[in-house]
C-alpha atoms as a PDB file:
ATOM      1  CA  MET A   1      50.682  26.665  54.673  1.00  0.00           C
ATOM      2  CA  THR A   2      51.235  30.209  55.850  1.00  0.00           C
ATOM      3  CA  ALA A   3      51.708  31.254  59.427  1.00  0.00           C
ATOM      4  CA  SER A   4      48.799  32.916  61.242  1.00  0.00           C
ATOM      5  CA  ASN A   5      49.164  36.441  62.629  1.00  0.00           C
ATOM      6  CA  SER A   6      49.608  34.954  66.095  1.00  0.00           C
ATOM      7  CA  GLN A   7      52.373  32.653  64.843  1.00  0.00           C
ATOM      8  CA  LYS A   8      54.067  35.561  63.039  1.00  0.00           C
ATOM      9  CA  ARG A   9      54.026  37.662  66.234  1.00  0.00           C
ATOM     10  CA  GLN A  10      55.429  34.718  68.202  1.00  0.00           C
ATOM     11  CA  MET A  11      58.186  34.254  65.609  1.00  0.00           C
ATOM     12  CA  LYS A  12      59.065  37.988  65.773  1.00  0.00           C
ATOM     13  CA  SER A  13      59.144  37.852  69.574  1.00  0.00           C
ATOM     14  CA  ALA A  14      61.418  34.802  69.434  1.00  0.00           C
ATOM     15  CA  SER A  15      63.665  36.642  66.963  1.00  0.00           C
ATOM     16  CA  ARG A  16      64.117  39.469  69.455  1.00  0.00           C
ATOM     17  CA  LEU A  17      65.211  36.997  72.130  1.00  0.00           C
ATOM     18  CA  TYR A  18      67.536  35.251  69.654  1.00  0.00           C
ATOM     19  CA  ALA A  19      69.005  38.624  68.609  1.00  0.00           C
ATOM     20  CA  VAL A  20      69.862  39.433  72.234  1.00  0.00           C
ATOM     21  CA  GLN A  21      71.468  36.004  72.635  1.00  0.00           C
ATOM     22  CA  ALA A  22      73.387  36.400  69.373  1.00  0.00           C
ATOM     23  CA  LEU A  23      74.693  39.870  70.275  1.00  0.00           C
ATOM     24  CA  PHE A  24      75.744  38.580  73.700  1.00  0.00           C
ATOM     25  CA  GLN A  25      77.519  35.626  72.090  1.00  0.00           C
ATOM     26  CA  MET A  26      79.240  37.871  69.521  1.00  0.00           C
ATOM     27  CA  GLU A  27      80.605  40.093  72.268  1.00  0.00           C
ATOM     28  CA  ALA A  28      81.731  37.140  74.393  1.00  0.00           C
ATOM     29  CA  SER A  29      83.271  35.090  71.584  1.00  0.00           C
ATOM     30  CA  GLY A  30      84.361  37.642  68.991  1.00  0.00           C
ATOM     31  CA  GLN A  31      82.562  35.719  66.227  1.00  0.00           C
ATOM     32  CA  THR A  32      81.450  37.524  63.075  1.00  0.00           C
ATOM     33  CA  ILE A  33      77.865  38.469  62.271  1.00  0.00           C
ATOM     34  CA  GLU A  34      77.746  35.867  59.507  1.00  0.00           C
ATOM     35  CA  ALA A  35      79.000  33.058  61.750  1.00  0.00           C
ATOM     36  CA  ILE A  36      76.566  33.939  64.542  1.00  0.00           C
ATOM     37  CA  CYS A  37      73.556  34.353  62.231  1.00  0.00           C
ATOM     38  CA  ARG A  38      74.308  31.072  60.494  1.00  0.00           C
ATOM     39  CA  GLU A  39      74.640  29.259  63.837  1.00  0.00           C
ATOM     40  CA  PHE A  40      71.345  30.609  65.145  1.00  0.00           C
ATOM     41  CA  GLU A  41      69.432  30.015  61.921  1.00  0.00           C
ATOM     42  CA  ASP A  42      70.814  26.487  61.463  1.00  0.00           C
ATOM     43  CA  HIS A  43      70.971  25.263  65.060  1.00  0.00           C
ATOM     44  CA  ARG A  44      68.858  27.399  67.401  1.00  0.00           C
ATOM     45  CA  PHE A  45      65.628  28.316  65.594  1.00  0.00           C
ATOM     46  CA  GLY A  46      63.188  25.497  66.347  1.00  0.00           C
ATOM     47  CA  ALA A  47      65.832  23.374  68.110  1.00  0.00           C
ATOM     48  CA  VAL A  48      64.928  20.990  70.912  1.00  0.00           C
ATOM     49  CA  TYR A  49      66.701  21.451  74.282  1.00  0.00           C
ATOM     50  CA  ASP A  50      65.985  19.173  77.227  1.00  0.00           C
ATOM     51  CA  GLY A  51      62.875  17.919  75.461  1.00  0.00           C
ATOM     52  CA  GLU A  52      61.512  21.433  74.907  1.00  0.00           C
ATOM     53  CA  GLU A  53      61.214  22.763  71.376  1.00  0.00           C
ATOM     54  CA  MET A  54      62.371  26.329  70.835  1.00  0.00           C
ATOM     55  CA  VAL A  55      60.147  28.629  68.797  1.00  0.00           C
ATOM     56  CA  GLU A  56      61.038  29.096  65.164  1.00  0.00           C
ATOM     57  CA  GLY A  57      62.392  32.605  64.615  1.00  0.00           C
ATOM     58  CA  ASP A  58      61.678  35.050  61.831  1.00  0.00           C
ATOM     59  CA  VAL A  59      64.980  35.155  59.919  1.00  0.00           C
ATOM     60  CA  ASP A  60      64.421  38.632  58.437  1.00  0.00           C
ATOM     61  CA  THR A  61      63.605  40.210  61.812  1.00  0.00           C
ATOM     62  CA  PHE A  62      66.524  38.429  63.475  1.00  0.00           C
ATOM     63  CA  ARG A  63      69.055  39.473  60.820  1.00  0.00           C
ATOM     64  CA  LYS A  64      67.794  43.079  60.707  1.00  0.00           C
ATOM     65  CA  LEU A  65      68.141  43.431  64.472  1.00  0.00           C
ATOM     66  CA  VAL A  66      71.600  41.883  64.671  1.00  0.00           C
ATOM     67  CA  GLU A  67      72.987  43.730  61.644  1.00  0.00           C
ATOM     68  CA  LYS A  68      71.478  47.091  62.631  1.00  0.00           C
ATOM     69  CA  ALA A  69      72.696  46.672  66.230  1.00  0.00           C
ATOM     70  CA  VAL A  70      76.242  46.107  64.975  1.00  0.00           C
ATOM     71  CA  ASP A  71      76.115  48.799  62.262  1.00  0.00           C
ATOM     72  CA  GLU A  72      74.619  51.396  64.628  1.00  0.00           C
ATOM     73  CA  GLN A  73      76.336  50.226  67.822  1.00  0.00           C
ATOM     74  CA  ALA A  74      78.104  53.530  68.557  1.00  0.00           C
ATOM     75  CA  LYS A  75      74.885  55.526  68.126  1.00  0.00           C
ATOM     76  CA  ILE A  76      72.824  53.018  70.145  1.00  0.00           C
ATOM     77  CA  ASP A  77      75.417  52.857  72.935  1.00  0.00           C
ATOM     78  CA  GLN A  78      75.435  56.669  73.148  1.00  0.00           C
ATOM     79  CA  MET A  79      71.617  56.687  73.403  1.00  0.00           C
ATOM     80  CA  THR A  80      71.820  54.040  76.112  1.00  0.00           C
ATOM     81  CA  ASP A  81      74.505  55.980  78.003  1.00  0.00           C
ATOM     82  CA  ARG A  82      72.278  59.073  78.007  1.00  0.00           C
ATOM     83  CA  ALA A  83      69.436  56.985  79.440  1.00  0.00           C
ATOM     84  CA  LEU A  84      71.611  55.588  82.246  1.00  0.00           C
ATOM     85  CA  VAL A  85      72.801  57.275  85.398  1.00  0.00           C
ATOM     86  CA  ALA A  86      76.136  58.998  84.742  1.00  0.00           C
ATOM     87  CA  LYS A  87      78.003  56.592  87.024  1.00  0.00           C
ATOM     88  CA  TRP A  88      76.769  53.599  85.027  1.00  0.00           C
ATOM     89  CA  PRO A  89      77.900  53.832  81.406  1.00  0.00           C
ATOM     90  CA  ILE A  90      76.912  50.955  79.141  1.00  0.00           C
ATOM     91  CA  ALA A  91      80.358  49.369  79.522  1.00  0.00           C
ATOM     92  CA  ARG A  92      79.520  48.667  83.205  1.00  0.00           C
ATOM     93  CA  ILE A  93      76.121  47.108  82.475  1.00  0.00           C
ATOM     94  CA  ASP A  94      75.560  43.341  82.604  1.00  0.00           C
ATOM     95  CA  PRO A  95      76.470  41.938  79.143  1.00  0.00           C
ATOM     96  CA  THR A  96      73.015  40.419  78.678  1.00  0.00           C
ATOM     97  CA  LEU A  97      71.370  43.802  79.276  1.00  0.00           C
ATOM     98  CA  ARG A  98      73.930  45.484  77.043  1.00  0.00           C
ATOM     99  CA  ALA A  99      72.977  43.089  74.233  1.00  0.00           C
ATOM    100  CA  LEU A 100      69.288  43.716  74.962  1.00  0.00           C
ATOM    101  CA  PHE A 101      69.707  47.499  74.788  1.00  0.00           C
ATOM    102  CA  ARG A 102      71.569  47.151  71.491  1.00  0.00           C
ATOM    103  CA  ALA A 103      68.901  44.919  69.919  1.00  0.00           C
ATOM    104  CA  ALA A 104      66.081  47.138  71.195  1.00  0.00           C
ATOM    105  CA  GLY A 105      67.969  50.254  70.103  1.00  0.00           C
ATOM    106  CA  ALA A 106      68.327  48.786  66.619  1.00  0.00           C
ATOM    107  CA  GLU A 107      64.575  48.309  66.414  1.00  0.00           C
ATOM    108  CA  LEU A 108      63.886  51.789  67.794  1.00  0.00           C
ATOM    109  CA  VAL A 109      66.294  53.428  65.332  1.00  0.00           C
ATOM    110  CA  ASN A 110      64.841  51.368  62.471  1.00  0.00           C
ATOM    111  CA  GLY A 111      61.456  52.984  63.088  1.00  0.00           C
ATOM    112  CA  GLU A 112      59.193  50.284  61.627  1.00  0.00           C
ATOM    113  CA  THR A 113      57.714  49.033  64.919  1.00  0.00           C
ATOM    114  CA  PRO A 114      55.862  51.370  67.298  1.00  0.00           C
ATOM    115  CA  PRO A 115      58.121  52.261  70.255  1.00  0.00           C
ATOM    116  CA  LYS A 116      55.625  51.004  72.839  1.00  0.00           C
ATOM    117  CA  VAL A 117      55.610  47.578  71.151  1.00  0.00           C
ATOM    118  CA  VAL A 118      59.427  47.510  71.155  1.00  0.00           C
ATOM    119  CA  ILE A 119      59.497  48.387  74.856  1.00  0.00           C
ATOM    120  CA  VAL A 120      56.935  45.735  75.831  1.00  0.00           C
ATOM    121  CA  GLU A 121      58.660  43.063  73.742  1.00  0.00           C
ATOM    122  CA  PHE A 122      62.119  43.723  75.187  1.00  0.00           C
ATOM    123  CA  VAL A 123      60.827  44.002  78.763  1.00  0.00           C
ATOM    124  CA  GLN A 124      59.488  40.476  78.186  1.00  0.00           C
ATOM    125  CA  VAL A 125      62.934  39.413  76.965  1.00  0.00           C
ATOM    126  CA  ALA A 126      64.416  40.899  80.161  1.00  0.00           C
ATOM    127  CA  GLU A 127      61.863  38.916  82.181  1.00  0.00           C
ATOM    128  CA  ALA A 128      62.983  35.735  80.399  1.00  0.00           C
ATOM    129  CA  PHE A 129      66.579  36.338  81.508  1.00  0.00           C
ATOM    130  CA  HIS A 130      65.780  37.812  84.939  1.00  0.00           C
ATOM    131  CA  PRO A 131      62.390  36.448  86.068  1.00  0.00           C
ATOM    132  CA  GLU A 132      62.840  37.372  89.742  1.00  0.00           C
ATOM    133  CA  GLY A 133      64.913  40.525  89.486  1.00  0.00           C
ATOM    134  CA  LYS A 134      64.435  44.254  89.141  1.00  0.00           C
ATOM    135  CA  GLU A 135      65.982  44.230  85.660  1.00  0.00           C
ATOM    136  CA  PRO A 136      62.668  44.328  83.725  1.00  0.00           C
ATOM    137  CA  ARG A 137      61.672  47.621  85.415  1.00  0.00           C
ATOM    138  CA  PHE A 138      65.159  48.988  84.770  1.00  0.00           C
ATOM    139  CA  VAL A 139      64.923  47.917  81.105  1.00  0.00           C
ATOM    140  CA  ASN A 140      61.504  49.561  80.817  1.00  0.00           C
ATOM    141  CA  ALA A 141      62.851  52.883  82.129  1.00  0.00           C
ATOM    142  CA  VAL A 142      65.964  52.864  79.927  1.00  0.00           C
ATOM    143  CA  LEU A 143      64.045  51.867  76.788  1.00  0.00           C
ATOM    144  CA  ASP A 144      61.397  54.514  77.433  1.00  0.00           C
ATOM    145  CA  HIS A 145      64.146  57.154  77.523  1.00  0.00           C
ATOM    146  CA  MET A 146      65.807  55.717  74.406  1.00  0.00           C
ATOM    147  CA  ALA A 147      62.484  55.590  72.538  1.00  0.00           C
ATOM    148  CA  ARG A 148      61.704  59.225  73.330  1.00  0.00           C
ATOM    149  CA  GLU A 149      65.117  60.213  71.993  1.00  0.00           C
ATOM    150  CA  ALA A 150      64.996  58.007  68.887  1.00  0.00           C
ATOM    151  CA  ARG A 151      61.339  58.653  68.007  1.00  0.00           C
ATOM    152  CA  PRO A 152      60.045  61.802  69.775  1.00  0.00           C
ATOM    153  CA  GLU A 153      57.206  62.109  67.250  1.00  0.00           C
ATOM    154  CA  ALA A 154      55.702  58.867  68.587  1.00  0.00           C
ATOM    155  CA  PHE A 155      55.063  60.337  72.057  1.00  0.00           C
END
């Protein structure tokens, strides 16, 4: 049985959230890409927490985002720094948002997904982490700037 288009989109969205969590965990723990990817694929995708089943992630999307974010981290961090106010370099940003900008930057640099889709998806990830805060608007503004730099032809 193959997944419907709606299920595929949901799996890709979940993979973006998992990628942010994985990048955050890598930074906090110092674990390798392989160890983190294996942990997420084996224990997080579709897992049940407090009686609630997590969405199954798309392994290819997840791995691409995590690997590209690590491989292109310097470039992505520089793009993020240019999108931030000079007094707030990426090193001073909340680690969850830093991971989010890296995952989103990886998808923007990759160029397969339209920038507006990337922005909407990662603003939703920001809302999942900060449902009451101003962070989603901040993320939207930073990602818009990053998208225009990474893919000016799309605007």
